[in-house]
Amino acid sequence: MNKHLRKSTSLDQAVEAARALPEAAQDLLAHEIMESIADLTPPARSPERQAVIKERLSKPLNTISRDEVMSVLRRYDRFL
């Protein structure tokens, strides 16, 4: 069974409570829910793009010291 097709008791309870509201409130709530769903939906990525992302994330993170950061910043602001 697809993990996204599982039935949620809390979602069912929320929908039931929403149906008891006046129609205008239901419409507003439905609009807000749809916006939230859009915000929570991951962006579509091609398999090639996903492979690039996975490869980049697998590399170690390059860091620099505080002294190196300050050295770069001092090039632009001599008062640092």
Protein backbone atom coordinates (compact mmCIF):
# COMPACT_ATOMS: atom_id res chain seq x y z
CA MET A 1 0.00 0.00 0.00
CA ASN A 2 1.28 3.48 -0.89
CA LYS A 3 2.35 5.29 2.29
CA HIS A 4 0.59 8.44 1.05
CA LEU A 5 -2.76 6.64 0.76
CA ARG A 6 -3.00 5.62 4.41
CA LYS A 7 -6.09 6.88 6.13
CA SER A 8 -5.55 9.53 8.78
CA THR A 9 -7.98 9.56 11.69
CA SER A 10 -7.02 13.11 12.63
CA LEU A 11 -7.59 14.28 9.04
CA ASP A 12 -11.01 12.60 9.03
CA GLN A 13 -11.87 14.34 12.31
CA ALA A 14 -10.73 17.70 10.92
CA VAL A 15 -12.82 17.27 7.77
CA GLU A 16 -15.83 16.27 9.85
CA ALA A 17 -15.42 19.36 12.05
CA ALA A 18 -14.97 21.56 8.97
CA ARG A 19 -18.20 20.23 7.43
CA ALA A 20 -20.08 21.55 10.48
CA LEU A 21 -18.94 25.11 9.67
CA PRO A 22 -20.93 27.54 7.51
CA GLU A 23 -20.28 27.22 3.77
CA ALA A 24 -18.20 30.42 3.56
CA ALA A 25 -15.93 29.20 6.36
CA GLN A 26 -15.60 25.81 4.64
CA ASP A 27 -14.55 27.52 1.41
CA LEU A 28 -11.96 29.63 3.22
CA LEU A 29 -10.62 26.62 5.09
CA ALA A 30 -10.46 24.56 1.89
CA HIS A 31 -8.48 27.35 0.20
CA GLU A 32 -6.02 27.51 3.12
CA ILE A 33 -5.60 23.73 3.12
CA MET A 34 -4.89 23.68 -0.61
CA GLU A 35 -2.26 26.41 -0.17
CA SER A 36 -0.64 24.42 2.62
CA ILE A 37 -0.61 21.29 0.46
CA ALA A 38 1.12 23.24 -2.31
CA ASP A 39 3.72 24.49 0.20
CA LEU A 40 4.36 20.94 1.48
CA THR A 41 4.61 19.31 -1.94
CA PRO A 42 8.22 18.76 -2.93
CA PRO A 43 9.23 20.22 -6.28
CA ALA A 44 9.28 17.88 -9.25
CA ARG A 45 12.82 16.94 -10.23
CA SER A 46 14.06 14.87 -13.10
CA PRO A 47 16.03 11.73 -12.20
CA GLU A 48 19.12 13.41 -13.67
CA ARG A 49 18.71 16.48 -11.45
CA GLN A 50 18.06 14.31 -8.41
CA ALA A 51 21.26 12.35 -9.15
CA VAL A 52 23.25 15.61 -9.28
CA ILE A 53 21.78 16.71 -5.94
CA LYS A 54 22.51 13.34 -4.33
CA GLU A 55 26.09 13.40 -5.63
CA ARG A 56 26.71 16.93 -4.32
CA LEU A 57 25.25 16.13 -0.92
CA SER A 58 27.48 13.07 -0.62
CA LYS A 59 30.63 15.19 -0.80
CA PRO A 60 32.23 16.43 2.42
CA LEU A 61 31.42 19.98 3.39
CA ASN A 62 34.27 22.43 2.84
CA THR A 63 34.66 24.84 5.72
CA ILE A 64 36.95 27.72 6.44
CA SER A 65 38.13 29.12 9.73
CA ARG A 66 36.94 32.34 11.34
CA ASP A 67 40.33 33.87 10.59
CA GLU A 68 39.93 33.10 6.89
CA VAL A 69 36.47 34.68 6.88
CA MET A 70 37.76 37.79 8.63
CA SER A 71 40.64 38.02 6.15
CA VAL A 72 38.21 38.09 3.22
CA LEU A 73 35.95 40.63 4.95
CA ARG A 74 38.89 42.90 5.73
CA ARG A 75 39.57 43.22 2.02
CA TYR A 76 36.28 45.11 1.75
CA ASP A 77 36.20 46.84 5.14
CA ARG A 78 39.57 47.77 6.59
CA PHE A 79 37.95 48.66 9.96
CA LEU A 80 37.09 45.05 10.78
